[in-house]
């Protein structure tokens, strides 16, 4: 997708091509991304504990 206001003789940089950079995205959405990571951590921890608890029941 070529944008008309960009010069044709050189490739656009990341900000010109996409309208944002990875660094901008991470800094603007830091708390959202952190919350998602915490929720994923809780989910996997709960699943692990559930498996441990169930494996003890079936051993007896």
C-alpha atoms as a PDB file:
ATOM      1  CA  UNK A   1       0.000   0.000   0.000  1.00  0.00           C
ATOM      2  CA  UNK A   2       1.794   3.134  -1.197  1.00  0.00           C
ATOM      3  CA  UNK A   3       0.929   6.442   0.379  1.00  0.00           C
ATOM      4  CA  UNK A   4       0.920   9.457  -1.903  1.00  0.00           C
ATOM      5  CA  UNK A   5       2.766  11.892   0.380  1.00  0.00           C
ATOM      6  CA  UNK A   6       5.844   9.651   0.690  1.00  0.00           C
ATOM      7  CA  UNK A   7       8.840  10.169  -1.593  1.00  0.00           C
ATOM      8  CA  UNK A   8       9.128   7.469  -4.252  1.00  0.00           C
ATOM      9  CA  UNK A   9      12.927   7.198  -4.311  1.00  0.00           C
ATOM     10  CA  UNK A  10      13.356   5.730  -0.806  1.00  0.00           C
ATOM     11  CA  UNK A  11      11.463   3.242   1.336  1.00  0.00           C
ATOM     12  CA  UNK A  12       9.349   4.660   4.161  1.00  0.00           C
ATOM     13  CA  UNK A  13      10.490   4.152   7.711  1.00  0.00           C
ATOM     14  CA  UNK A  14       8.323   2.220  10.173  1.00  0.00           C
ATOM     15  CA  UNK A  15       6.419   5.252  11.482  1.00  0.00           C
ATOM     16  CA  UNK A  16       5.645   6.488   7.964  1.00  0.00           C
ATOM     17  CA  UNK A  17       4.550   3.078   6.725  1.00  0.00           C
ATOM     18  CA  UNK A  18       2.383   1.963   9.645  1.00  0.00           C
ATOM     19  CA  UNK A  19       1.592   5.227  11.416  1.00  0.00           C
ATOM     20  CA  UNK A  20       3.138   3.967  14.660  1.00  0.00           C
ATOM     21  CA  UNK A  21       6.237   2.201  15.967  1.00  0.00           C
ATOM     22  CA  UNK A  22       6.555  -0.784  18.280  1.00  0.00           C
ATOM     23  CA  UNK A  23       8.110   1.444  20.945  1.00  0.00           C
ATOM     24  CA  UNK A  24       5.165   3.878  20.781  1.00  0.00           C
ATOM     25  CA  UNK A  25       2.715   0.988  20.998  1.00  0.00           C
ATOM     26  CA  UNK A  26       4.439  -0.516  24.051  1.00  0.00           C
ATOM     27  CA  UNK A  27       4.697   2.775  25.923  1.00  0.00           C
ATOM     28  CA  UNK A  28       1.107   3.847  25.189  1.00  0.00           C
ATOM     29  CA  UNK A  29      -0.382   0.447  26.080  1.00  0.00           C
ATOM     30  CA  UNK A  30       1.994  -0.586  28.878  1.00  0.00           C
ATOM     31  CA  UNK A  31      -0.663  -0.975  31.619  1.00  0.00           C
ATOM     32  CA  UNK A  32      -3.020  -2.905  29.339  1.00  0.00           C
ATOM     33  CA  UNK A  33      -0.263  -5.287  28.292  1.00  0.00           C
ATOM     34  CA  UNK A  34       0.840  -5.706  31.911  1.00  0.00           C
ATOM     35  CA  UNK A  35      -2.738  -6.508  32.969  1.00  0.00           C
ATOM     36  CA  UNK A  36      -3.019  -9.127  30.199  1.00  0.00           C
ATOM     37  CA  UNK A  37       0.244 -10.737  31.349  1.00  0.00           C
ATOM     38  CA  UNK A  38      -0.954 -10.817  34.972  1.00  0.00           C
ATOM     39  CA  UNK A  39      -4.258 -12.422  33.937  1.00  0.00           C
ATOM     40  CA  UNK A  40      -2.443 -15.019  31.835  1.00  0.00           C
ATOM     41  CA  UNK A  41      -0.122 -15.751  34.744  1.00  0.00           C
ATOM     42  CA  UNK A  42      -3.077 -16.229  37.095  1.00  0.00           C
ATOM     43  CA  UNK A  43      -4.814 -18.479  34.584  1.00  0.00           C
ATOM     44  CA  UNK A  44      -1.810 -20.765  34.094  1.00  0.00           C
ATOM     45  CA  UNK A  45      -1.056 -20.836  37.824  1.00  0.00           C
ATOM     46  CA  UNK A  46      -4.666 -21.781  38.623  1.00  0.00           C
ATOM     47  CA  UNK A  47      -4.621 -24.490  35.959  1.00  0.00           C
ATOM     48  CA  UNK A  48      -1.364 -25.867  37.339  1.00  0.00           C
ATOM     49  CA  UNK A  49      -2.722 -25.932  40.918  1.00  0.00           C
ATOM     50  CA  UNK A  50      -5.938 -27.586  39.716  1.00  0.00           C
ATOM     51  CA  UNK A  51      -3.912 -30.321  37.979  1.00  0.00           C
ATOM     52  CA  UNK A  52      -1.772 -30.858  41.081  1.00  0.00           C
ATOM     53  CA  UNK A  53      -4.845 -31.106  43.312  1.00  0.00           C
ATOM     54  CA  UNK A  54      -6.573 -33.551  40.942  1.00  0.00           C
ATOM     55  CA  UNK A  55      -3.519 -35.767  40.541  1.00  0.00           C
ATOM     56  CA  UNK A  56      -3.403 -36.247  44.346  1.00  0.00           C
ATOM     57  CA  UNK A  57      -7.030 -37.436  44.372  1.00  0.00           C
ATOM     58  CA  UNK A  58      -6.390 -40.082  41.746  1.00  0.00           C
ATOM     59  CA  UNK A  59      -3.224 -41.440  43.396  1.00  0.00           C
ATOM     60  CA  UNK A  60      -5.048 -42.626  46.545  1.00  0.00           C
END
